[in-house]
Amino acid sequence: MASFADDVPLRATPGETWDYQTINSILFSKIIRNYAGDFNEYLKLVHEDYFYKVGIHNSFLQADASGIFIGGTFA
């Protein structure tokens, strides 16, 4: 899934417009996954640095085959 996101061209120059796309959350997840390195550190980082700080204590994360959290849905 994340490799697909890498191949999608930009629709506009960053900062010019805003448009929610699931692919944005996938790219963000890939950046975090690359930063974390180890999958367990990735889980810890997402929960402790993001979810817990905004009060999310019960969550379910779905990863694609490469271990990148999807963060959205594709129909």
C-alpha atoms as a PDB file:
ATOM      1  CA  MET A   1       0.000   0.000   0.000  1.00  0.00           C
ATOM      2  CA  ALA A   2       2.741   2.483   0.901  1.00  0.00           C
ATOM      3  CA  SER A   3       4.671   1.745  -2.282  1.00  0.00           C
ATOM      4  CA  PHE A   4       1.529   2.631  -4.239  1.00  0.00           C
ATOM      5  CA  ALA A   5       1.364   5.941  -2.367  1.00  0.00           C
ATOM      6  CA  ASP A   6       4.967   6.717  -3.317  1.00  0.00           C
ATOM      7  CA  ASP A   7       4.039   6.587  -7.000  1.00  0.00           C
ATOM      8  CA  VAL A   8       1.072   8.982  -6.880  1.00  0.00           C
ATOM      9  CA  PRO A   9       2.001  12.388  -8.357  1.00  0.00           C
ATOM     10  CA  LEU A  10       1.343  15.603  -6.448  1.00  0.00           C
ATOM     11  CA  ARG A  11      -1.888  17.376  -7.396  1.00  0.00           C
ATOM     12  CA  ALA A  12      -0.617  20.764  -6.229  1.00  0.00           C
ATOM     13  CA  THR A  13       2.417  22.394  -4.690  1.00  0.00           C
ATOM     14  CA  PRO A  14       2.546  21.593  -0.947  1.00  0.00           C
ATOM     15  CA  GLY A  15       0.984  24.442   1.031  1.00  0.00           C
ATOM     16  CA  GLU A  16      -1.251  25.671  -1.815  1.00  0.00           C
ATOM     17  CA  THR A  17      -4.323  23.600  -1.026  1.00  0.00           C
ATOM     18  CA  TRP A  18      -5.668  21.032   1.411  1.00  0.00           C
ATOM     19  CA  ASP A  19      -7.483  17.833   0.493  1.00  0.00           C
ATOM     20  CA  TYR A  20      -7.879  14.804   2.762  1.00  0.00           C
ATOM     21  CA  GLN A  21      -6.865  11.596   1.093  1.00  0.00           C
ATOM     22  CA  THR A  22      -6.261   8.237   2.761  1.00  0.00           C
ATOM     23  CA  ILE A  23      -3.022   8.111   0.833  1.00  0.00           C
ATOM     24  CA  ASN A  24      -1.737  11.048   2.913  1.00  0.00           C
ATOM     25  CA  SER A  25      -2.095   9.096   6.142  1.00  0.00           C
ATOM     26  CA  ILE A  26      -0.378   6.106   4.506  1.00  0.00           C
ATOM     27  CA  LEU A  27       2.601   8.242   3.479  1.00  0.00           C
ATOM     28  CA  PHE A  28       2.755   9.744   6.980  1.00  0.00           C
ATOM     29  CA  SER A  29       2.657   6.221   8.445  1.00  0.00           C
ATOM     30  CA  LYS A  30       5.511   5.165   6.182  1.00  0.00           C
ATOM     31  CA  ILE A  31       7.612   8.121   7.336  1.00  0.00           C
ATOM     32  CA  ILE A  32       6.964   7.224  10.977  1.00  0.00           C
ATOM     33  CA  ARG A  33       7.683   3.524  10.283  1.00  0.00           C
ATOM     34  CA  ASN A  34      11.013   4.393   8.638  1.00  0.00           C
ATOM     35  CA  TYR A  35      11.893   6.683  11.546  1.00  0.00           C
ATOM     36  CA  ALA A  36      11.044   4.055  14.181  1.00  0.00           C
ATOM     37  CA  GLY A  37      12.971   1.249  12.472  1.00  0.00           C
ATOM     38  CA  ASP A  38      11.832  -1.734  14.551  1.00  0.00           C
ATOM     39  CA  PHE A  39       8.118  -2.670  14.322  1.00  0.00           C
ATOM     40  CA  ASN A  40       7.715  -2.767  18.123  1.00  0.00           C
ATOM     41  CA  GLU A  41       9.209   0.718  18.367  1.00  0.00           C
ATOM     42  CA  TYR A  42       6.770   1.780  15.647  1.00  0.00           C
ATOM     43  CA  LEU A  43       3.830   0.521  17.721  1.00  0.00           C
ATOM     44  CA  LYS A  44       5.173   2.206  20.838  1.00  0.00           C
ATOM     45  CA  LEU A  45       5.772   5.494  19.021  1.00  0.00           C
ATOM     46  CA  VAL A  46       2.291   5.623  17.501  1.00  0.00           C
ATOM     47  CA  HIS A  47       0.559   4.847  20.784  1.00  0.00           C
ATOM     48  CA  GLU A  48       2.675   6.826  23.239  1.00  0.00           C
ATOM     49  CA  ASP A  49       3.537   9.860  21.135  1.00  0.00           C
ATOM     50  CA  TYR A  50       0.255  10.254  19.281  1.00  0.00           C
ATOM     51  CA  PHE A  51      -2.753   8.334  20.561  1.00  0.00           C
ATOM     52  CA  TYR A  52      -2.165   8.583  24.317  1.00  0.00           C
ATOM     53  CA  LYS A  53      -1.427  12.307  24.117  1.00  0.00           C
ATOM     54  CA  VAL A  54      -4.872  12.993  22.654  1.00  0.00           C
ATOM     55  CA  GLY A  55      -6.703  10.612  24.979  1.00  0.00           C
ATOM     56  CA  ILE A  56      -6.994   7.565  22.709  1.00  0.00           C
ATOM     57  CA  HIS A  57      -6.336   4.540  24.916  1.00  0.00           C
ATOM     58  CA  ASN A  58      -8.197   1.818  23.023  1.00  0.00           C
ATOM     59  CA  SER A  59      -7.400   1.529  19.347  1.00  0.00           C
ATOM     60  CA  PHE A  60      -7.015  -0.995  16.570  1.00  0.00           C
ATOM     61  CA  LEU A  61      -4.341  -0.469  13.951  1.00  0.00           C
ATOM     62  CA  GLN A  62      -4.348  -2.288  10.638  1.00  0.00           C
ATOM     63  CA  ALA A  63      -1.095  -2.687   8.724  1.00  0.00           C
ATOM     64  CA  ASP A  64      -0.549  -3.576   5.094  1.00  0.00           C
ATOM     65  CA  ALA A  65       1.692  -6.477   4.044  1.00  0.00           C
ATOM     66  CA  SER A  66       4.834  -4.367   4.473  1.00  0.00           C
ATOM     67  CA  GLY A  67       3.948  -3.380   8.059  1.00  0.00           C
ATOM     68  CA  ILE A  68       2.787   0.170   7.335  1.00  0.00           C
ATOM     69  CA  PHE A  69      -0.375   1.234   9.181  1.00  0.00           C
ATOM     70  CA  ILE A  70      -3.095   1.993   6.685  1.00  0.00           C
ATOM     71  CA  GLY A  71      -4.741   4.848   8.646  1.00  0.00           C
ATOM     72  CA  GLY A  72      -7.763   4.996   6.384  1.00  0.00           C
ATOM     73  CA  THR A  73      -9.811   2.828   4.117  1.00  0.00           C
ATOM     74  CA  PHE A  74      -9.910   1.857   0.487  1.00  0.00           C
ATOM     75  CA  ALA A  75     -13.165   0.599  -0.999  1.00  0.00           C
END
